[in-house]
């Protein structure tokens, strides 16, 4: 019983840390993937980086589109799910169990995230500091204030998706 309780505590602590550092784990809706693919205009061998990759399903789908995928997740349970998905689907996705603030964005062609509005100012600074010119930034549901939007995908009954080009 002790180990069960310890495991539950660690999982809940993991979610708490993730929620405190950026956002609670809420996955991108699967039926919006095609909209993300359309905005990303992924080309073979481009690097798609997801900040807060959760269970890694979007990374899996981007890899099928030919992208080199990199995911960052700080919540233990979603990271473990993502790791299992990588192993069982024999993917070359690079997964990192660490905060998005420690992610190195310099190699990314496309950076995707579904994060809360309160962290966008700090994230904007990181993006402008680390991303190369012509890097595509895709934000699900929430815009980045004071960063010119290149394109917005809006569909009734779905969250908006914002595309930025640095």
Foldseek 3Di string as FASTA:
>chain_A
DVVVVVVVVLQVVQQVVQCVQWHGDDDDDPVCLVVVCVLLVDDAAAEEEEFACFLVPSVVVVVVVRYAYEYEHQRPPSLVNNVVCCVVVVHPYHYDNDHPVPDQQQRHLEYEYATDQVCLVVVVVVCVVHYDFFRKYKYWQDDRPPADFPDWDDDPPGGIMTIHTD
